[in-house]
Each structure stands twice: as C-alpha cells, then as structure tokens.
Amino acid sequence: MSKDHMIRSMLSENVNMTSNGCIADQLNLEEFAECYELFFDKIMEIHVSELKGIEGYGEFDEECRTEYGSCKEFLIGTFAEHQEGRR
C-alpha cells in the first residue's frame, strides 16, 4: 500500500488530503487573519482520526515507515543541524 493510501485510510472522511486553494506560508498577515479559523478546523478534523498502530515519529517514507523511533530522536534529528528547506 502506498503511503498516501495508508495515510488516507487512517484519516477521518472529513479530512481532504489535497489543497483547497491556499498555502499558509504564502498568505500575508491580513489574508491569514481572514481565514485562520479554517486552519484550526482542519487540525481538529485530523485530531479525530484513529492513529493506533503507527509507531515512531517523522514523515512516512515510501514503505510507510517513520524515520525516528522516539520523539526525542525526532527532535534531535530535526533541529540539531541545518537541513535543506529549513531556516
């Protein structure tokens, strides 16, 4: 099963995995102020999803496994060194 299919199977039916027209990082403060409640609605929709059986932390690889075994490993691996695409 591909990682997209696996993630989709875990999420609530209310969660849309595709973009609905805006990317938060591309909004200026005024634009974000007009629609920030939508972001919190999406977070709450994800929150009700059943995630039992998922072990580890980080993004899923193509084999649907996470890179880190613990939250501590995830935080150290994510923030210890400068990584491409992060400030």
PDB file of N, CA and C in Angstrom:
ATOM      1  N   MET A   1       0.861  -1.171   0.000  1.00  0.00           N
ATOM      2  CA  MET A   1       0.000   0.000   0.000  1.00  0.00           C
ATOM      3  C   MET A   1       0.909   1.236   0.000  1.00  0.00           C
ATOM      4  N   SER A   2       0.609   2.202  -0.848  1.00  0.00           N
ATOM      5  CA  SER A   2       1.421   3.419  -0.902  1.00  0.00           C
ATOM      6  C   SER A   2       1.191   4.246   0.351  1.00  0.00           C
ATOM      7  N   LYS A   3       2.139   5.149   0.651  1.00  0.00           N
ATOM      8  CA  LYS A   3       1.980   5.943   1.873  1.00  0.00           C
ATOM      9  C   LYS A   3       0.756   6.838   1.797  1.00  0.00           C
ATOM     10  N   ASP A   4       0.423   7.367   0.623  1.00  0.00           N
ATOM     11  CA  ASP A   4      -0.778   8.196   0.501  1.00  0.00           C
ATOM     12  C   ASP A   4      -2.036   7.401   0.822  1.00  0.00           C
ATOM     13  N   HIS A   5      -2.107   6.168   0.334  1.00  0.00           N
ATOM     14  CA  HIS A   5      -3.266   5.329   0.604  1.00  0.00           C
ATOM     15  C   HIS A   5      -3.333   4.957   2.081  1.00  0.00           C
ATOM     16  N   MET A   6      -2.163   4.671   2.689  1.00  0.00           N
ATOM     17  CA  MET A   6      -2.146   4.316   4.091  1.00  0.00           C
ATOM     18  C   MET A   6      -2.601   5.495   4.954  1.00  0.00           C
ATOM     19  N   ILE A   7      -2.066   6.676   4.677  1.00  0.00           N
ATOM     20  CA  ILE A   7      -2.452   7.864   5.443  1.00  0.00           C
ATOM     21  C   ILE A   7      -3.934   8.137   5.247  1.00  0.00           C
ATOM     22  N   ARG A   8      -4.395   8.081   4.024  1.00  0.00           N
ATOM     23  CA  ARG A   8      -5.810   8.330   3.735  1.00  0.00           C
ATOM     24  C   ARG A   8      -6.702   7.356   4.506  1.00  0.00           C
ATOM     25  N   SER A   9      -6.292   6.100   4.608  1.00  0.00           N
ATOM     26  CA  SER A   9      -7.115   5.109   5.306  1.00  0.00           C
ATOM     27  C   SER A   9      -7.215   5.400   6.796  1.00  0.00           C
ATOM     28  N   MET A  10      -6.256   6.118   7.370  1.00  0.00           N
ATOM     29  CA  MET A  10      -6.273   6.428   8.799  1.00  0.00           C
ATOM     30  C   MET A  10      -7.061   7.692   9.118  1.00  0.00           C
ATOM     31  N   LEU A  11      -7.187   8.581   8.167  1.00  0.00           N
ATOM     32  CA  LEU A  11      -7.795   9.879   8.435  1.00  0.00           C
ATOM     33  C   LEU A  11      -9.315   9.834   8.369  1.00  0.00           C
ATOM     34  N   SER A  12      -9.913  10.737   9.087  1.00  0.00           N
ATOM     35  CA  SER A  12     -11.359  10.892   9.064  1.00  0.00           C
ATOM     36  C   SER A  12     -11.808  11.191   7.635  1.00  0.00           C
ATOM     37  N   GLU A  13     -13.020  10.821   7.311  1.00  0.00           N
ATOM     38  CA  GLU A  13     -13.549  11.111   5.970  1.00  0.00           C
ATOM     39  C   GLU A  13     -13.645  12.608   5.717  1.00  0.00           C
ATOM     40  N   ASN A  14     -13.665  13.409   6.792  1.00  0.00           N
ATOM     41  CA  ASN A  14     -13.767  14.863   6.643  1.00  0.00           C
ATOM     42  C   ASN A  14     -12.466  15.517   6.197  1.00  0.00           C
ATOM     43  N   VAL A  15     -11.351  14.813   6.330  1.00  0.00           N
ATOM     44  CA  VAL A  15     -10.060  15.401   6.009  1.00  0.00           C
ATOM     45  C   VAL A  15      -9.779  15.259   4.527  1.00  0.00           C
ATOM     46  N   ASN A  16      -9.537  16.374   3.876  1.00  0.00           N
ATOM     47  CA  ASN A  16      -9.208  16.400   2.458  1.00  0.00           C
ATOM     48  C   ASN A  16      -7.691  16.459   2.335  1.00  0.00           C
ATOM     49  N   MET A  17      -7.085  15.507   1.641  1.00  0.00           N
ATOM     50  CA  MET A  17      -5.631  15.470   1.525  1.00  0.00           C
ATOM     51  C   MET A  17      -5.099  16.368   0.410  1.00  0.00           C
ATOM     52  N   THR A  18      -5.950  17.020  -0.311  1.00  0.00           N
ATOM     53  CA  THR A  18      -5.488  17.892  -1.381  1.00  0.00           C
ATOM     54  C   THR A  18      -5.732  19.349  -1.015  1.00  0.00           C
ATOM     55  N   SER A  19      -4.980  20.203  -1.630  1.00  0.00           N
ATOM     56  CA  SER A  19      -5.050  21.633  -1.338  1.00  0.00           C
ATOM     57  C   SER A  19      -6.400  22.217  -1.747  1.00  0.00           C
ATOM     58  N   ASN A  20      -6.880  23.167  -0.958  1.00  0.00           N
ATOM     59  CA  ASN A  20      -8.136  23.841  -1.279  1.00  0.00           C
ATOM     60  C   ASN A  20      -7.921  25.277  -1.726  1.00  0.00           C
ATOM     61  N   GLY A  21      -6.771  25.580  -2.270  1.00  0.00           N
ATOM     62  CA  GLY A  21      -6.592  26.892  -2.874  1.00  0.00           C
ATOM     63  C   GLY A  21      -5.618  27.843  -2.230  1.00  0.00           C
ATOM     64  N   CYS A  22      -5.116  27.556  -1.035  1.00  0.00           N
ATOM     65  CA  CYS A  22      -4.116  28.458  -0.475  1.00  0.00           C
ATOM     66  C   CYS A  22      -3.124  27.680   0.370  1.00  0.00           C
ATOM     67  N   ILE A  23      -1.922  28.200   0.407  1.00  0.00           N
ATOM     68  CA  ILE A  23      -0.853  27.620   1.206  1.00  0.00           C
ATOM     69  C   ILE A  23      -0.540  28.630   2.301  1.00  0.00           C
ATOM     70  N   ALA A  24      -0.605  28.204   3.552  1.00  0.00           N
ATOM     71  CA  ALA A  24      -0.474  29.124   4.684  1.00  0.00           C
ATOM     72  C   ALA A  24       0.785  29.978   4.591  1.00  0.00           C
ATOM     73  N   ASP A  25       1.897  29.385   4.184  1.00  0.00           N
ATOM     74  CA  ASP A  25       3.154  30.131   4.114  1.00  0.00           C
ATOM     75  C   ASP A  25       3.118  31.242   3.069  1.00  0.00           C
ATOM     76  N   GLN A  26       2.175  31.191   2.163  1.00  0.00           N
ATOM     77  CA  GLN A  26       2.106  32.205   1.110  1.00  0.00           C
ATOM     78  C   GLN A  26       1.135  33.335   1.438  1.00  0.00           C
ATOM     79  N   LEU A  27       0.454  33.246   2.581  1.00  0.00           N
ATOM     80  CA  LEU A  27      -0.501  34.282   2.962  1.00  0.00           C
ATOM     81  C   LEU A  27       0.201  35.386   3.744  1.00  0.00           C
ATOM     82  N   ASN A  28      -0.192  36.635   3.492  1.00  0.00           N
ATOM     83  CA  ASN A  28       0.309  37.707   4.339  1.00  0.00           C
ATOM     84  C   ASN A  28      -0.566  37.756   5.591  1.00  0.00           C
ATOM     85  N   LEU A  29      -0.215  38.596   6.556  1.00  0.00           N
ATOM     86  CA  LEU A  29      -0.940  38.612   7.834  1.00  0.00           C
ATOM     87  C   LEU A  29      -2.420  38.933   7.677  1.00  0.00           C
ATOM     88  N   GLU A  30      -2.751  39.849   6.794  1.00  0.00           N
ATOM     89  CA  GLU A  30      -4.157  40.215   6.598  1.00  0.00           C
ATOM     90  C   GLU A  30      -4.948  39.056   6.006  1.00  0.00           C
ATOM     91  N   GLU A  31      -4.363  38.377   5.028  1.00  0.00           N
ATOM     92  CA  GLU A  31      -5.036  37.235   4.407  1.00  0.00           C
ATOM     93  C   GLU A  31      -5.214  36.093   5.414  1.00  0.00           C
ATOM     94  N   PHE A  32      -4.175  35.859   6.216  1.00  0.00           N
ATOM     95  CA  PHE A  32      -4.277  34.800   7.220  1.00  0.00           C
ATOM     96  C   PHE A  32      -5.342  35.138   8.261  1.00  0.00           C
ATOM     97  N   ALA A  33      -5.418  36.407   8.660  1.00  0.00           N
ATOM     98  CA  ALA A  33      -6.404  36.825   9.664  1.00  0.00           C
ATOM     99  C   ALA A  33      -7.826  36.567   9.185  1.00  0.00           C
ATOM    100  N   GLU A  34      -8.048  36.619   7.875  1.00  0.00           N
ATOM    101  CA  GLU A  34      -9.384  36.401   7.317  1.00  0.00           C
ATOM    102  C   GLU A  34      -9.805  34.930   7.335  1.00  0.00           C
ATOM    103  N   CYS A  35      -8.831  34.012   7.403  1.00  0.00           N
ATOM    104  CA  CYS A  35      -9.211  32.597   7.276  1.00  0.00           C
ATOM    105  C   CYS A  35      -8.520  31.676   8.273  1.00  0.00           C
ATOM    106  N   TYR A  36      -7.896  32.210   9.317  1.00  0.00           N
ATOM    107  CA  TYR A  36      -7.144  31.347  10.235  1.00  0.00           C
ATOM    108  C   TYR A  36      -8.016  30.283  10.895  1.00  0.00           C
ATOM    109  N   GLU A  37      -9.293  30.575  11.104  1.00  0.00           N
ATOM    110  CA  GLU A  37     -10.161  29.580  11.744  1.00  0.00           C
ATOM    111  C   GLU A  37     -10.258  28.305  10.912  1.00  0.00           C
ATOM    112  N   LEU A  38     -10.134  28.415   9.597  1.00  0.00           N
ATOM    113  CA  LEU A  38     -10.170  27.237   8.733  1.00  0.00           C
ATOM    114  C   LEU A  38      -9.006  26.294   9.032  1.00  0.00           C
ATOM    115  N   PHE A  39      -7.833  26.867   9.339  1.00  0.00           N
ATOM    116  CA  PHE A  39      -6.680  26.034   9.655  1.00  0.00           C
ATOM    117  C   PHE A  39      -6.932  25.233  10.929  1.00  0.00           C
ATOM    118  N   PHE A  40      -7.522  25.881  11.926  1.00  0.00           N
ATOM    119  CA  PHE A  40      -7.811  25.178  13.169  1.00  0.00           C
ATOM    120  C   PHE A  40      -8.911  24.137  12.971  1.00  0.00           C
ATOM    121  N   ASP A  41      -9.859  24.399  12.107  1.00  0.00           N
ATOM    122  CA  ASP A  41     -10.880  23.396  11.781  1.00  0.00           C
ATOM    123  C   ASP A  41     -10.222  22.144  11.201  1.00  0.00           C
ATOM    124  N   LYS A  42      -9.262  22.332  10.310  1.00  0.00           N
ATOM    125  CA  LYS A  42      -8.574  21.193   9.694  1.00  0.00           C
ATOM    126  C   LYS A  42      -7.770  20.408  10.724  1.00  0.00           C
ATOM    127  N   ILE A  43      -7.114  21.119  11.634  1.00  0.00           N
ATOM    128  CA  ILE A  43      -6.359  20.441  12.684  1.00  0.00           C
ATOM    129  C   ILE A  43      -7.289  19.583  13.530  1.00  0.00           C
ATOM    130  N   MET A  44      -8.465  20.109  13.853  1.00  0.00           N
ATOM    131  CA  MET A  44      -9.415  19.345  14.655  1.00  0.00           C
ATOM    132  C   MET A  44      -9.961  18.147  13.881  1.00  0.00           C
ATOM    133  N   GLU A  45     -10.127  18.272  12.573  1.00  0.00           N
ATOM    134  CA  GLU A  45     -10.572  17.136  11.760  1.00  0.00           C
ATOM    135  C   GLU A  45      -9.519  16.028  11.773  1.00  0.00           C
ATOM    136  N   ILE A  46      -8.259  16.410  11.686  1.00  0.00           N
ATOM    137  CA  ILE A  46      -7.179  15.426  11.738  1.00  0.00           C
ATOM    138  C   ILE A  46      -7.125  14.794  13.127  1.00  0.00           C
ATOM    139  N   HIS A  47      -7.347  15.593  14.139  1.00  0.00           N
ATOM    140  CA  HIS A  47      -7.267  15.130  15.527  1.00  0.00           C
ATOM    141  C   HIS A  47      -8.211  13.953  15.807  1.00  0.00           C
ATOM    142  N   VAL A  48      -9.356  13.900  15.186  1.00  0.00           N
ATOM    143  CA  VAL A  48     -10.309  12.822  15.458  1.00  0.00           C
ATOM    144  C   VAL A  48      -9.967  11.526  14.714  1.00  0.00           C
ATOM    145  N   SER A  49      -8.915  11.543  13.919  1.00  0.00           N
ATOM    146  CA  SER A  49      -8.514  10.350  13.178  1.00  0.00           C
ATOM    147  C   SER A  49      -7.877   9.324  14.104  1.00  0.00           C
ATOM    148  N   GLU A  50      -8.104   8.067  13.815  1.00  0.00           N
ATOM    149  CA  GLU A  50      -7.568   6.962  14.606  1.00  0.00           C
ATOM    150  C   GLU A  50      -6.169   6.619  14.104  1.00  0.00           C
ATOM    151  N   LEU A  51      -5.172   6.753  14.965  1.00  0.00           N
ATOM    152  CA  LEU A  51      -3.786   6.521  14.550  1.00  0.00           C
ATOM    153  C   LEU A  51      -3.132   5.354  15.296  1.00  0.00           C
ATOM    154  N   LYS A  52      -3.947   4.490  15.904  1.00  0.00           N
ATOM    155  CA  LYS A  52      -3.384   3.330  16.591  1.00  0.00           C
ATOM    156  C   LYS A  52      -2.583   2.494  15.603  1.00  0.00           C
ATOM    157  N   GLY A  53      -1.535   1.922  16.084  1.00  0.00           N
ATOM    158  CA  GLY A  53      -0.723   1.052  15.241  1.00  0.00           C
ATOM    159  C   GLY A  53       0.415   1.771  14.548  1.00  0.00           C
ATOM    160  N   ILE A  54       0.431   3.090  14.593  1.00  0.00           N
ATOM    161  CA  ILE A  54       1.534   3.837  13.994  1.00  0.00           C
ATOM    162  C   ILE A  54       2.613   4.011  15.045  1.00  0.00           C
ATOM    163  N   GLU A  55       3.812   3.584  14.725  1.00  0.00           N
ATOM    164  CA  GLU A  55       4.924   3.715  15.657  1.00  0.00           C
ATOM    165  C   GLU A  55       5.958   4.655  15.071  1.00  0.00           C
ATOM    166  N   GLY A  56       6.612   5.402  15.939  1.00  0.00           N
ATOM    167  CA  GLY A  56       7.687   6.271  15.514  1.00  0.00           C
ATOM    168  C   GLY A  56       7.225   7.690  15.254  1.00  0.00           C
ATOM    169  N   TYR A  57       8.174   8.492  14.805  1.00  0.00           N
ATOM    170  CA  TYR A  57       7.943   9.915  14.586  1.00  0.00           C
ATOM    171  C   TYR A  57       8.579  10.342  13.273  1.00  0.00           C
ATOM    172  N   GLY A  58       8.036  11.397  12.685  1.00  0.00           N
ATOM    173  CA  GLY A  58       8.573  11.939  11.441  1.00  0.00           C
ATOM    174  C   GLY A  58       7.681  11.617  10.263  1.00  0.00           C
ATOM    175  N   GLU A  59       8.170  11.969   9.101  1.00  0.00           N
ATOM    176  CA  GLU A  59       7.403  11.728   7.878  1.00  0.00           C
ATOM    177  C   GLU A  59       7.474  10.263   7.483  1.00  0.00           C
ATOM    178  N   PHE A  60       6.436   9.806   6.805  1.00  0.00           N
ATOM    179  CA  PHE A  60       6.442   8.444   6.286  1.00  0.00           C
ATOM    180  C   PHE A  60       7.338   8.362   5.063  1.00  0.00           C
ATOM    181  N   ASP A  61       8.116   7.278   4.972  1.00  0.00           N
ATOM    182  CA  ASP A  61       8.872   7.039   3.757  1.00  0.00           C
ATOM    183  C   ASP A  61       7.982   6.256   2.784  1.00  0.00           C
ATOM    184  N   GLU A  62       8.528   5.842   1.676  1.00  0.00           N
ATOM    185  CA  GLU A  62       7.724   5.138   0.668  1.00  0.00           C
ATOM    186  C   GLU A  62       7.268   3.757   1.133  1.00  0.00           C
ATOM    187  N   GLU A  63       7.905   3.213   2.167  1.00  0.00           N
ATOM    188  CA  GLU A  63       7.490   1.924   2.723  1.00  0.00           C
ATOM    189  C   GLU A  63       6.557   2.117   3.914  1.00  0.00           C
ATOM    190  N   CYS A  64       6.059   3.342   4.100  1.00  0.00           N
ATOM    191  CA  CYS A  64       5.111   3.685   5.167  1.00  0.00           C
ATOM    192  C   CYS A  64       5.715   3.523   6.555  1.00  0.00           C
ATOM    193  N   ARG A  65       7.005   3.777   6.687  1.00  0.00           N
ATOM    194  CA  ARG A  65       7.663   3.744   7.986  1.00  0.00           C
ATOM    195  C   ARG A  65       8.154   5.149   8.326  1.00  0.00           C
ATOM    196  N   THR A  66       8.267   5.414   9.622  1.00  0.00           N
ATOM    197  CA  THR A  66       8.784   6.706  10.056  1.00  0.00           C
ATOM    198  C   THR A  66      10.284   6.595  10.281  1.00  0.00           C
ATOM    199  N   GLU A  67      10.957   7.735  10.203  1.00  0.00           N
ATOM    200  CA  GLU A  67      12.414   7.746  10.287  1.00  0.00           C
ATOM    201  C   GLU A  67      12.926   7.598  11.720  1.00  0.00           C
ATOM    202  N   TYR A  68      12.176   8.095  12.691  1.00  0.00           N
ATOM    203  CA  TYR A  68      12.656   8.143  14.068  1.00  0.00           C
ATOM    204  C   TYR A  68      11.822   7.242  14.977  1.00  0.00           C
ATOM    205  N   GLY A  69      12.494   6.591  15.916  1.00  0.00           N
ATOM    206  CA  GLY A  69      11.810   5.689  16.824  1.00  0.00           C
ATOM    207  C   GLY A  69      11.182   6.363  18.027  1.00  0.00           C
ATOM    208  N   SER A  70      11.682   7.539  18.391  1.00  0.00           N
ATOM    209  CA  SER A  70      11.147   8.227  19.566  1.00  0.00           C
ATOM    210  C   SER A  70      11.002   9.715  19.266  1.00  0.00           C
ATOM    211  N   CYS A  71      10.227  10.376  20.100  1.00  0.00           N
ATOM    212  CA  CYS A  71      10.046  11.814  19.954  1.00  0.00           C
ATOM    213  C   CYS A  71      11.381  12.529  20.151  1.00  0.00           C
ATOM    214  N   LYS A  72      12.182  12.086  21.105  1.00  0.00           N
ATOM    215  CA  LYS A  72      13.498  12.693  21.355  1.00  0.00           C
ATOM    216  C   LYS A  72      14.382  12.586  20.117  1.00  0.00           C
ATOM    217  N   GLU A  73      14.442  11.404  19.504  1.00  0.00           N
ATOM    218  CA  GLU A  73      15.238  11.223  18.289  1.00  0.00           C
ATOM    219  C   GLU A  73      14.745  12.143  17.173  1.00  0.00           C
ATOM    220  N   PHE A  74      13.429  12.268  17.056  1.00  0.00           N
ATOM    221  CA  PHE A  74      12.844  13.143  16.037  1.00  0.00           C
ATOM    222  C   PHE A  74      13.274  14.590  16.254  1.00  0.00           C
ATOM    223  N   LEU A  75      13.162  15.083  17.482  1.00  0.00           N
ATOM    224  CA  LEU A  75      13.523  16.474  17.771  1.00  0.00           C
ATOM    225  C   LEU A  75      15.003  16.730  17.545  1.00  0.00           C
ATOM    226  N   ILE A  76      15.854  15.811  17.991  1.00  0.00           N
ATOM    227  CA  ILE A  76      17.292  15.985  17.787  1.00  0.00           C
ATOM    228  C   ILE A  76      17.628  15.936  16.300  1.00  0.00           C
ATOM    229  N   GLY A  77      17.085  14.965  15.597  1.00  0.00           N
ATOM    230  CA  GLY A  77      17.362  14.824  14.168  1.00  0.00           C
ATOM    231  C   GLY A  77      16.816  15.967  13.339  1.00  0.00           C
ATOM    232  N   THR A  78      15.740  16.555  13.778  1.00  0.00           N
ATOM    233  CA  THR A  78      15.103  17.635  13.026  1.00  0.00           C
ATOM    234  C   THR A  78      15.779  18.977  13.262  1.00  0.00           C
ATOM    235  N   PHE A  79      16.188  19.237  14.500  1.00  0.00           N
ATOM    236  CA  PHE A  79      16.660  20.568  14.836  1.00  0.00           C
ATOM    237  C   PHE A  79      18.146  20.675  15.155  1.00  0.00           C
ATOM    238  N   ALA A  80      18.872  19.568  15.229  1.00  0.00           N
ATOM    239  CA  ALA A  80      20.278  19.617  15.613  1.00  0.00           C
ATOM    240  C   ALA A  80      21.147  20.277  14.544  1.00  0.00           C
ATOM    241  N   GLU A  81      20.870  20.041  13.292  1.00  0.00           N
ATOM    242  CA  GLU A  81      21.668  20.584  12.205  1.00  0.00           C
ATOM    243  C   GLU A  81      20.786  21.310  11.214  1.00  0.00           C
ATOM    244  N   HIS A  82      21.420  22.231  10.495  1.00  0.00           N
ATOM    245  CA  HIS A  82      20.673  22.913   9.433  1.00  0.00           C
ATOM    246  C   HIS A  82      20.322  21.887   8.361  1.00  0.00           C
ATOM    247  N   GLN A  83      19.064  21.879   7.964  1.00  0.00           N
ATOM    248  CA  GLN A  83      18.630  20.958   6.927  1.00  0.00           C
ATOM    249  C   GLN A  83      18.076  21.749   5.750  1.00  0.00           C
ATOM    250  N   GLU A  84      18.261  21.207   4.578  1.00  0.00           N
ATOM    251  CA  GLU A  84      17.788  21.862   3.368  1.00  0.00           C
ATOM    252  C   GLU A  84      16.281  22.141   3.471  1.00  0.00           C
ATOM    253  N   GLY A  85      15.899  23.344   3.112  1.00  0.00           N
ATOM    254  CA  GLY A  85      14.497  23.722   3.124  1.00  0.00           C
ATOM    255  C   GLY A  85      14.036  24.302   4.454  1.00  0.00           C
ATOM    256  N   ARG A  86      14.925  24.378   5.423  1.00  0.00           N
ATOM    257  CA  ARG A  86      14.565  24.935   6.733  1.00  0.00           C
ATOM    258  C   ARG A  86      15.457  26.125   7.027  1.00  0.00           C
ATOM    259  N   ARG A  87      14.919  27.053   7.780  1.00  0.00           N
ATOM    260  CA  ARG A  87      15.678  28.255   8.127  1.00  0.00           C
ATOM    261  C   ARG A  87      16.391  28.083   9.431  1.00  0.00           C
TER     262      ARG A  87
END
